[in-house]
PDB file of N, CA and C in Angstrom:
ATOM      1  N   MET A   1      14.735  -7.208  18.444  1.00  0.00           N
ATOM      2  CA  MET A   1      13.325  -6.964  18.643  1.00  0.00           C
ATOM      3  C   MET A   1      12.533  -7.974  17.815  1.00  0.00           C
ATOM      4  N   TRP A   2      11.466  -8.496  18.356  1.00  0.00           N
ATOM      5  CA  TRP A   2      10.718  -9.571  17.700  1.00  0.00           C
ATOM      6  C   TRP A   2       9.978  -9.107  16.463  1.00  0.00           C
ATOM      7  N   ASN A   3       9.638  -7.830  16.355  1.00  0.00           N
ATOM      8  CA  ASN A   3       8.881  -7.360  15.197  1.00  0.00           C
ATOM      9  C   ASN A   3       9.757  -6.566  14.231  1.00  0.00           C
ATOM     10  N   LYS A   4      11.051  -6.810  14.232  1.00  0.00           N
ATOM     11  CA  LYS A   4      11.940  -6.057  13.364  1.00  0.00           C
ATOM     12  C   LYS A   4      11.624  -6.287  11.886  1.00  0.00           C
ATOM     13  N   HIS A   5      11.321  -7.497  11.515  1.00  0.00           N
ATOM     14  CA  HIS A   5      11.016  -7.795  10.116  1.00  0.00           C
ATOM     15  C   HIS A   5       9.524  -8.017   9.886  1.00  0.00           C
ATOM     16  N   PHE A   6       8.726  -7.803  10.892  1.00  0.00           N
ATOM     17  CA  PHE A   6       7.281  -7.964  10.789  1.00  0.00           C
ATOM     18  C   PHE A   6       6.659  -6.585  10.942  1.00  0.00           C
ATOM     19  N   ARG A   7       6.576  -5.854   9.860  1.00  0.00           N
ATOM     20  CA  ARG A   7       6.071  -4.486   9.893  1.00  0.00           C
ATOM     21  C   ARG A   7       4.548  -4.468   9.863  1.00  0.00           C
ATOM     22  N   ILE A   8       4.002  -3.508  10.591  1.00  0.00           N
ATOM     23  CA  ILE A   8       2.553  -3.346  10.681  1.00  0.00           C
ATOM     24  C   ILE A   8       2.211  -1.915  10.298  1.00  0.00           C
ATOM     25  N   LEU A   9       1.216  -1.766   9.444  1.00  0.00           N
ATOM     26  CA  LEU A   9       0.654  -0.464   9.126  1.00  0.00           C
ATOM     27  C   LEU A   9      -0.452  -0.220  10.138  1.00  0.00           C
ATOM     28  N   TRP A  10      -0.236   0.721  11.043  1.00  0.00           N
ATOM     29  CA  TRP A  10      -1.177   0.981  12.118  1.00  0.00           C
ATOM     30  C   TRP A  10      -1.999   2.200  11.746  1.00  0.00           C
ATOM     31  N   LEU A  11      -3.297   2.007  11.536  1.00  0.00           N
ATOM     32  CA  LEU A  11      -4.213   3.063  11.139  1.00  0.00           C
ATOM     33  C   LEU A  11      -5.150   3.338  12.295  1.00  0.00           C
ATOM     34  N   LYS A  12      -5.204   4.591  12.745  1.00  0.00           N
ATOM     35  CA  LYS A  12      -6.087   4.954  13.849  1.00  0.00           C
ATOM     36  C   LYS A  12      -6.866   6.193  13.452  1.00  0.00           C
ATOM     37  N   ILE A  13      -8.185   6.095  13.539  1.00  0.00           N
ATOM     38  CA  ILE A  13      -9.074   7.188  13.163  1.00  0.00           C
ATOM     39  C   ILE A  13      -9.920   7.551  14.373  1.00  0.00           C
ATOM     40  N   GLN A  14      -9.945   8.831  14.722  1.00  0.00           N
ATOM     41  CA  GLN A  14     -10.805   9.318  15.795  1.00  0.00           C
ATOM     42  C   GLN A  14     -11.702  10.398  15.219  1.00  0.00           C
ATOM     43  N   VAL A  15     -12.996  10.266  15.470  1.00  0.00           N
ATOM     44  CA  VAL A  15     -13.962  11.224  14.960  1.00  0.00           C
ATOM     45  C   VAL A  15     -14.695  11.828  16.144  1.00  0.00           C
ATOM     46  N   GLY A  16     -14.882  13.119  16.109  1.00  0.00           N
ATOM     47  CA  GLY A  16     -15.570  13.800  17.196  1.00  0.00           C
ATOM     48  C   GLY A  16     -14.599  14.241  18.270  1.00  0.00           C
ATOM     49  N   LYS A  17     -15.142  14.854  19.304  1.00  0.00           N
ATOM     50  CA  LYS A  17     -14.305  15.388  20.371  1.00  0.00           C
ATOM     51  C   LYS A  17     -13.972  14.353  21.425  1.00  0.00           C
ATOM     52  N   ASN A  18     -14.576  13.186  21.345  1.00  0.00           N
ATOM     53  CA  ASN A  18     -14.303  12.124  22.308  1.00  0.00           C
ATOM     54  C   ASN A  18     -12.966  11.475  21.952  1.00  0.00           C
ATOM     55  N   THR A  19     -11.942  11.745  22.747  1.00  0.00           N
ATOM     56  CA  THR A  19     -10.621  11.193  22.455  1.00  0.00           C
ATOM     57  C   THR A  19     -10.469   9.769  22.963  1.00  0.00           C
ATOM     58  N   HIS A  20     -11.427   9.278  23.719  1.00  0.00           N
ATOM     59  CA  HIS A  20     -11.342   7.912  24.230  1.00  0.00           C
ATOM     60  C   HIS A  20     -11.844   6.893  23.212  1.00  0.00           C
ATOM     61  N   TRP A  21     -12.611   7.338  22.236  1.00  0.00           N
ATOM     62  CA  TRP A  21     -13.112   6.424  21.220  1.00  0.00           C
ATOM     63  C   TRP A  21     -12.304   6.617  19.952  1.00  0.00           C
ATOM     64  N   GLY A  22     -11.855   5.540  19.397  1.00  0.00           N
ATOM     65  CA  GLY A  22     -11.109   5.577  18.143  1.00  0.00           C
ATOM     66  C   GLY A  22     -11.187   4.216  17.490  1.00  0.00           C
ATOM     67  N   LEU A  23     -10.766   4.143  16.289  1.00  0.00           N
ATOM     68  CA  LEU A  23     -10.775   2.886  15.558  1.00  0.00           C
ATOM     69  C   LEU A  23      -9.342   2.531  15.183  1.00  0.00           C
ATOM     70  N   PRO A  24      -8.620   1.824  16.064  1.00  0.00           N
ATOM     71  CA  PRO A  24      -7.274   1.378  15.683  1.00  0.00           C
ATOM     72  C   PRO A  24      -7.375   0.138  14.803  1.00  0.00           C
ATOM     73  N   PHE A  25      -6.611   0.110  13.742  1.00  0.00           N
ATOM     74  CA  PHE A  25      -6.703  -0.977  12.780  1.00  0.00           C
ATOM     75  C   PHE A  25      -5.304  -1.363  12.319  1.00  0.00           C
ATOM     76  N   PRO A  26      -4.716  -2.421  12.898  1.00  0.00           N
ATOM     77  CA  PRO A  26      -3.388  -2.848  12.447  1.00  0.00           C
ATOM     78  C   PRO A  26      -3.484  -3.732  11.198  1.00  0.00           C
ATOM     79  N   ILE A  27      -2.653  -3.441  10.223  1.00  0.00           N
ATOM     80  CA  ILE A  27      -2.622  -4.215   8.984  1.00  0.00           C
ATOM     81  C   ILE A  27      -1.191  -4.708   8.776  1.00  0.00           C
ATOM     82  N   PRO A  28      -0.957  -6.012   8.794  1.00  0.00           N
ATOM     83  CA  PRO A  28       0.401  -6.510   8.537  1.00  0.00           C
ATOM     84  C   PRO A  28       0.834  -6.199   7.100  1.00  0.00           C
ATOM     85  N   MET A  29       2.017  -5.635   6.960  1.00  0.00           N
ATOM     86  CA  MET A  29       2.506  -5.228   5.645  1.00  0.00           C
ATOM     87  C   MET A  29       2.800  -6.421   4.738  1.00  0.00           C
ATOM     88  N   TYR A  30       3.139  -7.553   5.329  1.00  0.00           N
ATOM     89  CA  TYR A  30       3.458  -8.704   4.482  1.00  0.00           C
ATOM     90  C   TYR A  30       2.231  -9.188   3.714  1.00  0.00           C
ATOM     91  N   ILE A  31       1.029  -8.906   4.207  1.00  0.00           N
ATOM     92  CA  ILE A  31      -0.188  -9.285   3.473  1.00  0.00           C
ATOM     93  C   ILE A  31      -0.252  -8.519   2.154  1.00  0.00           C
ATOM     94  N   PHE A  32       0.016  -7.206   2.201  1.00  0.00           N
ATOM     95  CA  PHE A  32       0.043  -6.417   0.970  1.00  0.00           C
ATOM     96  C   PHE A  32       1.137  -6.908   0.030  1.00  0.00           C
ATOM     97  N   GLN A  33       2.309  -7.194   0.590  1.00  0.00           N
ATOM     98  CA  GLN A  33       3.424  -7.629  -0.244  1.00  0.00           C
ATOM     99  C   GLN A  33       3.140  -8.972  -0.906  1.00  0.00           C
ATOM    100  N   GLU A  34       2.566  -9.900  -0.183  1.00  0.00           N
ATOM    101  CA  GLU A  34       2.238 -11.210  -0.762  1.00  0.00           C
ATOM    102  C   GLU A  34       1.132 -11.093  -1.811  1.00  0.00           C
ATOM    103  N   LEU A  35       0.132 -10.265  -1.533  1.00  0.00           N
ATOM    104  CA  LEU A  35      -0.955 -10.063  -2.490  1.00  0.00           C
ATOM    105  C   LEU A  35      -0.428  -9.449  -3.786  1.00  0.00           C
ATOM    106  N   LEU A  36       0.418  -8.444  -3.667  1.00  0.00           N
ATOM    107  CA  LEU A  36       0.980  -7.822  -4.864  1.00  0.00           C
ATOM    108  C   LEU A  36       1.926  -8.761  -5.600  1.00  0.00           C
ATOM    109  N   ASP A  37       2.661  -9.574  -4.874  1.00  0.00           N
ATOM    110  CA  ASP A  37       3.563 -10.537  -5.509  1.00  0.00           C
ATOM    111  C   ASP A  37       2.779 -11.580  -6.307  1.00  0.00           C
ATOM    112  N   CYS A  38       1.705 -12.087  -5.736  1.00  0.00           N
ATOM    113  CA  CYS A  38       0.866 -13.064  -6.455  1.00  0.00           C
ATOM    114  C   CYS A  38       0.200 -12.431  -7.670  1.00  0.00           C
ATOM    115  N   THR A  39      -0.255 -11.191  -7.515  1.00  0.00           N
ATOM    116  CA  THR A  39      -0.878 -10.494  -8.636  1.00  0.00           C
ATOM    117  C   THR A  39       0.136 -10.246  -9.749  1.00  0.00           C
ATOM    118  N   SER A  40       1.348  -9.900  -9.376  1.00  0.00           N
ATOM    119  CA  SER A  40       2.394  -9.689 -10.375  1.00  0.00           C
ATOM    120  C   SER A  40       2.720 -10.978 -11.121  1.00  0.00           C
ATOM    121  N   ASP A  41       2.776 -12.090 -10.414  1.00  0.00           N
ATOM    122  CA  ASP A  41       3.018 -13.377 -11.078  1.00  0.00           C
ATOM    123  C   ASP A  41       1.896 -13.725 -12.047  1.00  0.00           C
ATOM    124  N   LEU A  42       0.668 -13.486 -11.635  1.00  0.00           N
ATOM    125  CA  LEU A  42      -0.478 -13.750 -12.501  1.00  0.00           C
ATOM    126  C   LEU A  42      -0.441 -12.860 -13.741  1.00  0.00           C
ATOM    127  N   LEU A  43      -0.101 -11.586 -13.558  1.00  0.00           N
ATOM    128  CA  LEU A  43      -0.030 -10.679 -14.698  1.00  0.00           C
ATOM    129  C   LEU A  43       1.126 -11.029 -15.634  1.00  0.00           C
ATOM    130  N   THR A  44       2.196 -11.583 -15.103  1.00  0.00           N
ATOM    131  CA  THR A  44       3.305 -12.028 -15.954  1.00  0.00           C
ATOM    132  C   THR A  44       2.850 -13.139 -16.889  1.00  0.00           C
ATOM    133  N   VAL A  45       2.070 -14.070 -16.367  1.00  0.00           N
ATOM    134  CA  VAL A  45       1.543 -15.157 -17.202  1.00  0.00           C
ATOM    135  C   VAL A  45       0.560 -14.608 -18.230  1.00  0.00           C
ATOM    136  N   ILE A  46      -0.282 -13.682 -17.828  1.00  0.00           N
ATOM    137  CA  ILE A  46      -1.248 -13.093 -18.759  1.00  0.00           C
ATOM    138  C   ILE A  46      -0.522 -12.321 -19.858  1.00  0.00           C
ATOM    139  N   CYS A  47       0.572 -11.634 -19.506  1.00  0.00           N
ATOM    140  CA  CYS A  47       1.329 -10.864 -20.501  1.00  0.00           C
ATOM    141  C   CYS A  47       1.970 -11.755 -21.559  1.00  0.00           C
ATOM    142  N   LEU A  48       2.210 -13.012 -21.240  1.00  0.00           N
ATOM    143  CA  LEU A  48       2.764 -13.928 -22.234  1.00  0.00           C
ATOM    144  C   LEU A  48       1.795 -14.168 -23.385  1.00  0.00           C
ATOM    145  N   PHE A  49       0.502 -14.093 -23.103  1.00  0.00           N
ATOM    146  CA  PHE A  49      -0.519 -14.375 -24.107  1.00  0.00           C
ATOM    147  C   PHE A  49      -1.189 -13.119 -24.660  1.00  0.00           C
ATOM    148  N   THR A  50      -0.734 -11.964 -24.237  1.00  0.00           N
ATOM    149  CA  THR A  50      -1.325 -10.708 -24.675  1.00  0.00           C
ATOM    150  C   THR A  50      -0.337  -9.967 -25.564  1.00  0.00           C
ATOM    151  N   PRO A  51      -0.782  -9.525 -26.741  1.00  0.00           N
ATOM    152  CA  PRO A  51       0.143  -8.773 -27.597  1.00  0.00           C
ATOM    153  C   PRO A  51       0.427  -7.393 -26.998  1.00  0.00           C
ATOM    154  N   LYS A  52       1.664  -6.970 -27.139  1.00  0.00           N
ATOM    155  CA  LYS A  52       2.050  -5.657 -26.623  1.00  0.00           C
ATOM    156  C   LYS A  52       1.665  -4.611 -27.658  1.00  0.00           C
ATOM    157  N   SER A  53       0.830  -3.673 -27.260  1.00  0.00           N
ATOM    158  CA  SER A  53       0.366  -2.637 -28.173  1.00  0.00           C
ATOM    159  C   SER A  53       0.893  -1.289 -27.699  1.00  0.00           C
ATOM    160  N   THR A  54       0.983  -0.364 -28.629  1.00  0.00           N
ATOM    161  CA  THR A  54       1.440   0.976 -28.273  1.00  0.00           C
ATOM    162  C   THR A  54       0.264   1.769 -27.732  1.00  0.00           C
ATOM    163  N   GLN A  55       0.513   2.493 -26.670  1.00  0.00           N
ATOM    164  CA  GLN A  55      -0.520   3.316 -26.056  1.00  0.00           C
ATOM    165  C   GLN A  55      -0.220   4.782 -26.353  1.00  0.00           C
ATOM    166  N   THR A  56      -1.258   5.521 -26.676  1.00  0.00           N
ATOM    167  CA  THR A  56      -1.087   6.955 -26.865  1.00  0.00           C
ATOM    168  C   THR A  56      -1.349   7.661 -25.541  1.00  0.00           C
ATOM    169  N   VAL A  57      -0.847   8.861 -25.436  1.00  0.00           N
ATOM    170  CA  VAL A  57      -0.998   9.615 -24.191  1.00  0.00           C
ATOM    171  C   VAL A  57      -2.454   9.999 -23.965  1.00  0.00           C
ATOM    172  N   THR A  58      -3.188  10.260 -25.027  1.00  0.00           N
ATOM    173  CA  THR A  58      -4.572  10.699 -24.894  1.00  0.00           C
ATOM    174  C   THR A  58      -5.552   9.547 -24.765  1.00  0.00           C
ATOM    175  N   SER A  59      -5.078   8.328 -24.829  1.00  0.00           N
ATOM    176  CA  SER A  59      -5.964   7.173 -24.738  1.00  0.00           C
ATOM    177  C   SER A  59      -6.468   7.008 -23.303  1.00  0.00           C
ATOM    178  N   PRO A  60      -7.793   6.910 -23.115  1.00  0.00           N
ATOM    179  CA  PRO A  60      -8.319   6.766 -21.753  1.00  0.00           C
ATOM    180  C   PRO A  60      -8.157   5.354 -21.185  1.00  0.00           C
ATOM    181  N   SER A  61      -7.924   4.379 -22.033  1.00  0.00           N
ATOM    182  CA  SER A  61      -7.778   3.007 -21.552  1.00  0.00           C
ATOM    183  C   SER A  61      -6.307   2.693 -21.314  1.00  0.00           C
ATOM    184  N   PHE A  62      -6.075   1.677 -20.516  1.00  0.00           N
ATOM    185  CA  PHE A  62      -4.703   1.246 -20.276  1.00  0.00           C
ATOM    186  C   PHE A  62      -4.660  -0.263 -20.347  1.00  0.00           C
ATOM    187  N   GLY A  63      -3.513  -0.767 -20.719  1.00  0.00           N
ATOM    188  CA  GLY A  63      -3.365  -2.190 -20.964  1.00  0.00           C
ATOM    189  C   GLY A  63      -2.856  -2.954 -19.766  1.00  0.00           C
ATOM    190  N   ILE A  64      -2.718  -4.240 -19.974  1.00  0.00           N
ATOM    191  CA  ILE A  64      -2.286  -5.144 -18.916  1.00  0.00           C
ATOM    192  C   ILE A  64      -0.823  -4.896 -18.556  1.00  0.00           C
ATOM    193  N   TYR A  65      -0.029  -4.431 -19.513  1.00  0.00           N
ATOM    194  CA  TYR A  65       1.380  -4.144 -19.238  1.00  0.00           C
ATOM    195  C   TYR A  65       1.526  -2.957 -18.286  1.00  0.00           C
ATOM    196  N   LEU A  66       0.668  -1.964 -18.442  1.00  0.00           N
ATOM    197  CA  LEU A  66       0.699  -0.816 -17.537  1.00  0.00           C
ATOM    198  C   LEU A  66       0.279  -1.220 -16.125  1.00  0.00           C
ATOM    199  N   VAL A  67      -0.706  -2.086 -16.020  1.00  0.00           N
ATOM    200  CA  VAL A  67      -1.138  -2.576 -14.707  1.00  0.00           C
ATOM    201  C   VAL A  67      -0.005  -3.343 -14.033  1.00  0.00           C
ATOM    202  N   LYS A  68       0.704  -4.147 -14.808  1.00  0.00           N
ATOM    203  CA  LYS A  68       1.836  -4.892 -14.247  1.00  0.00           C
ATOM    204  C   LYS A  68       2.923  -3.947 -13.761  1.00  0.00           C
ATOM    205  N   GLU A  69       3.213  -2.904 -14.513  1.00  0.00           N
ATOM    206  CA  GLU A  69       4.214  -1.920 -14.086  1.00  0.00           C
ATOM    207  C   GLU A  69       3.770  -1.195 -12.815  1.00  0.00           C
ATOM    208  N   LEU A  70       2.490  -0.862 -12.726  1.00  0.00           N
ATOM    209  CA  LEU A  70       1.979  -0.207 -11.516  1.00  0.00           C
ATOM    210  C   LEU A  70       2.079  -1.117 -10.298  1.00  0.00           C
ATOM    211  N   ILE A  71       1.810  -2.397 -10.481  1.00  0.00           N
ATOM    212  CA  ILE A  71       1.952  -3.363  -9.384  1.00  0.00           C
ATOM    213  C   ILE A  71       3.408  -3.453  -8.947  1.00  0.00           C
ATOM    214  N   ASP A  72       4.327  -3.493  -9.908  1.00  0.00           N
ATOM    215  CA  ASP A  72       5.754  -3.569  -9.574  1.00  0.00           C
ATOM    216  C   ASP A  72       6.229  -2.314  -8.840  1.00  0.00           C
ATOM    217  N   ILE A  73       5.763  -1.152  -9.264  1.00  0.00           N
ATOM    218  CA  ILE A  73       6.127   0.096  -8.588  1.00  0.00           C
ATOM    219  C   ILE A  73       5.575   0.117  -7.169  1.00  0.00           C
ATOM    220  N   THR A  74       4.349  -0.355  -6.991  1.00  0.00           N
ATOM    221  CA  THR A  74       3.757  -0.409  -5.655  1.00  0.00           C
ATOM    222  C   THR A  74       4.513  -1.377  -4.757  1.00  0.00           C
ATOM    223  N   MET A  75       4.971  -2.488  -5.307  1.00  0.00           N
ATOM    224  CA  MET A  75       5.777  -3.430  -4.522  1.00  0.00           C
ATOM    225  C   MET A  75       7.084  -2.787  -4.074  1.00  0.00           C
ATOM    226  N   ASN A  76       7.718  -2.034  -4.964  1.00  0.00           N
ATOM    227  CA  ASN A  76       8.949  -1.333  -4.590  1.00  0.00           C
ATOM    228  C   ASN A  76       8.691  -0.277  -3.522  1.00  0.00           C
ATOM    229  N   LEU A  77       7.554   0.390  -3.618  1.00  0.00           N
ATOM    230  CA  LEU A  77       7.197   1.391  -2.613  1.00  0.00           C
ATOM    231  C   LEU A  77       6.993   0.746  -1.245  1.00  0.00           C
ATOM    232  N   LEU A  78       6.290  -0.371  -1.198  1.00  0.00           N
ATOM    233  CA  LEU A  78       6.083  -1.068   0.074  1.00  0.00           C
ATOM    234  C   LEU A  78       7.392  -1.596   0.643  1.00  0.00           C
ATOM    235  N   ASP A  79       8.280  -2.062  -0.218  1.00  0.00           N
ATOM    236  CA  ASP A  79       9.595  -2.510   0.256  1.00  0.00           C
ATOM    237  C   ASP A  79      10.366  -1.359   0.888  1.00  0.00           C
ATOM    238  N   SER A  80      10.294  -0.185   0.279  1.00  0.00           N
ATOM    239  CA  SER A  80      11.017   0.958   0.843  1.00  0.00           C
ATOM    240  C   SER A  80      10.374   1.450   2.136  1.00  0.00           C
ATOM    241  N   LEU A  81       9.067   1.272   2.294  1.00  0.00           N
ATOM    242  CA  LEU A  81       8.403   1.669   3.540  1.00  0.00           C
ATOM    243  C   LEU A  81       8.788   0.775   4.705  1.00  0.00           C
ATOM    244  N   THR A  82       9.077  -0.478   4.430  1.00  0.00           N
ATOM    245  CA  THR A  82       9.342  -1.426   5.510  1.00  0.00           C
ATOM    246  C   THR A  82      10.824  -1.623   5.797  1.00  0.00           C
ATOM    247  N   GLN A  83      11.716  -0.961   5.091  1.00  0.00           N
ATOM    248  CA  GLN A  83      13.143  -1.171   5.311  1.00  0.00           C
ATOM    249  C   GLN A  83      13.672  -0.454   6.544  1.00  0.00           C
ATOM    250  N   ASP A  84      13.189   0.714   6.844  1.00  0.00           N
ATOM    251  CA  ASP A  84      13.745   1.521   7.923  1.00  0.00           C
ATOM    252  C   ASP A  84      13.129   1.177   9.267  1.00  0.00           C
ATOM    253  N   GLU A  85      13.520   1.941  10.259  1.00  0.00           N
ATOM    254  CA  GLU A  85      12.990   1.786  11.609  1.00  0.00           C
ATOM    255  C   GLU A  85      11.530   2.242  11.647  1.00  0.00           C
ATOM    256  N   PRO A  86      10.802   1.913  12.718  1.00  0.00           N
ATOM    257  CA  PRO A  86       9.414   2.371  12.843  1.00  0.00           C
ATOM    258  C   PRO A  86       9.316   3.902  12.822  1.00  0.00           C
ATOM    259  N   TYR A  87       8.283   4.411  12.186  1.00  0.00           N
ATOM    260  CA  TYR A  87       8.095   5.854  12.082  1.00  0.00           C
ATOM    261  C   TYR A  87       6.624   6.170  11.866  1.00  0.00           C
ATOM    262  N   ASP A  88       6.280   7.452  12.003  1.00  0.00           N
ATOM    263  CA  ASP A  88       4.927   7.941  11.761  1.00  0.00           C
ATOM    264  C   ASP A  88       4.844   8.416  10.318  1.00  0.00           C
ATOM    265  N   LEU A  89       3.916   7.854   9.566  1.00  0.00           N
ATOM    266  CA  LEU A  89       3.750   8.221   8.165  1.00  0.00           C
ATOM    267  C   LEU A  89       2.828   9.431   8.035  1.00  0.00           C
ATOM    268  N   VAL A  90       1.698   9.407   8.757  1.00  0.00           N
ATOM    269  CA  VAL A  90       0.730  10.506   8.732  1.00  0.00           C
ATOM    270  C   VAL A  90       0.291  10.778  10.162  1.00  0.00           C
ATOM    271  N   ASP A  91       0.235  12.046  10.542  1.00  0.00           N
ATOM    272  CA  ASP A  91      -0.242  12.446  11.862  1.00  0.00           C
ATOM    273  C   ASP A  91      -1.015  13.747  11.683  1.00  0.00           C
ATOM    274  N   ILE A  92      -2.329  13.631  11.529  1.00  0.00           N
ATOM    275  CA  ILE A  92      -3.184  14.782  11.256  1.00  0.00           C
ATOM    276  C   ILE A  92      -4.170  14.942  12.403  1.00  0.00           C
ATOM    277  N   LYS A  93      -4.222  16.144  12.968  1.00  0.00           N
ATOM    278  CA  LYS A  93      -5.178  16.444  14.033  1.00  0.00           C
ATOM    279  C   LYS A  93      -5.935  17.707  13.655  1.00  0.00           C
ATOM    280  N   THR A  94      -7.255  17.629  13.718  1.00  0.00           N
ATOM    281  CA  THR A  94      -8.100  18.799  13.526  1.00  0.00           C
ATOM    282  C   THR A  94      -9.017  18.911  14.728  1.00  0.00           C
ATOM    283  N   ALA A  95      -9.916  19.877  14.698  1.00  0.00           N
ATOM    284  CA  ALA A  95     -10.827  20.060  15.822  1.00  0.00           C
ATOM    285  C   ALA A  95     -11.822  18.910  15.936  1.00  0.00           C
ATOM    286  N   ASN A  96     -12.199  18.310  14.812  1.00  0.00           N
ATOM    287  CA  ASN A  96     -13.236  17.278  14.829  1.00  0.00           C
ATOM    288  C   ASN A  96     -12.727  15.859  14.611  1.00  0.00           C
ATOM    289  N   ALA A  97     -11.545  15.703  14.087  1.00  0.00           N
ATOM    290  CA  ALA A  97     -11.074  14.352  13.768  1.00  0.00           C
ATOM    291  C   ALA A  97      -9.553  14.303  13.807  1.00  0.00           C
ATOM    292  N   SER A  98      -9.061  13.096  13.914  1.00  0.00           N
ATOM    293  CA  SER A  98      -7.612  12.890  13.824  1.00  0.00           C
ATOM    294  C   SER A  98      -7.346  11.563  13.125  1.00  0.00           C
ATOM    295  N   VAL A  99      -6.272  11.537  12.360  1.00  0.00           N
ATOM    296  CA  VAL A  99      -5.880  10.347  11.615  1.00  0.00           C
ATOM    297  C   VAL A  99      -4.391  10.120  11.855  1.00  0.00           C
ATOM    298  N   PHE A 100      -4.060   8.900  12.250  1.00  0.00           N
ATOM    299  CA  PHE A 100      -2.669   8.509  12.457  1.00  0.00           C
ATOM    300  C   PHE A 100      -2.389   7.277  11.604  1.00  0.00           C
ATOM    301  N   ILE A 101      -1.321   7.326  10.850  1.00  0.00           N
ATOM    302  CA  ILE A 101      -0.856   6.150  10.123  1.00  0.00           C
ATOM    303  C   ILE A 101       0.601   5.965  10.514  1.00  0.00           C
ATOM    304  N   LYS A 102       0.873   4.837  11.138  1.00  0.00           N
ATOM    305  CA  LYS A 102       2.213   4.566  11.646  1.00  0.00           C
ATOM    306  C   LYS A 102       2.719   3.259  11.064  1.00  0.00           C
ATOM    307  N   ILE A 103       4.001   3.217  10.804  1.00  0.00           N
ATOM    308  CA  ILE A 103       4.663   1.985  10.392  1.00  0.00           C
ATOM    309  C   ILE A 103       5.424   1.494  11.609  1.00  0.00           C
ATOM    310  N   ARG A 104       5.011   0.371  12.149  1.00  0.00           N
ATOM    311  CA  ARG A 104       5.647  -0.189  13.358  1.00  0.00           C
ATOM    312  C   ARG A 104       6.176  -1.556  13.069  1.00  0.00           C
TER     313      ARG A 104
END
């Protein structure tokens, strides 16, 4: 299949009772992966010049090292989303609206 390694996050939102109108919005997953990869590389360089400080649990601020870890975790999450076959991530229907998020 031509799109086996080209995953798309397909977001479709329908509002109101009109089922013919909706907002389909395909987002290529590799864009997120490349953006996070570049951000992680930039944060790696910044971490070289930033002293590592200890953070307390009650501290409301967070450092650059925590942001880098969050970016790395998000990259791993996106990798795990794109490894399997196409599937429906979210399928919500109510009386007034519906939201579909599909990985294709």
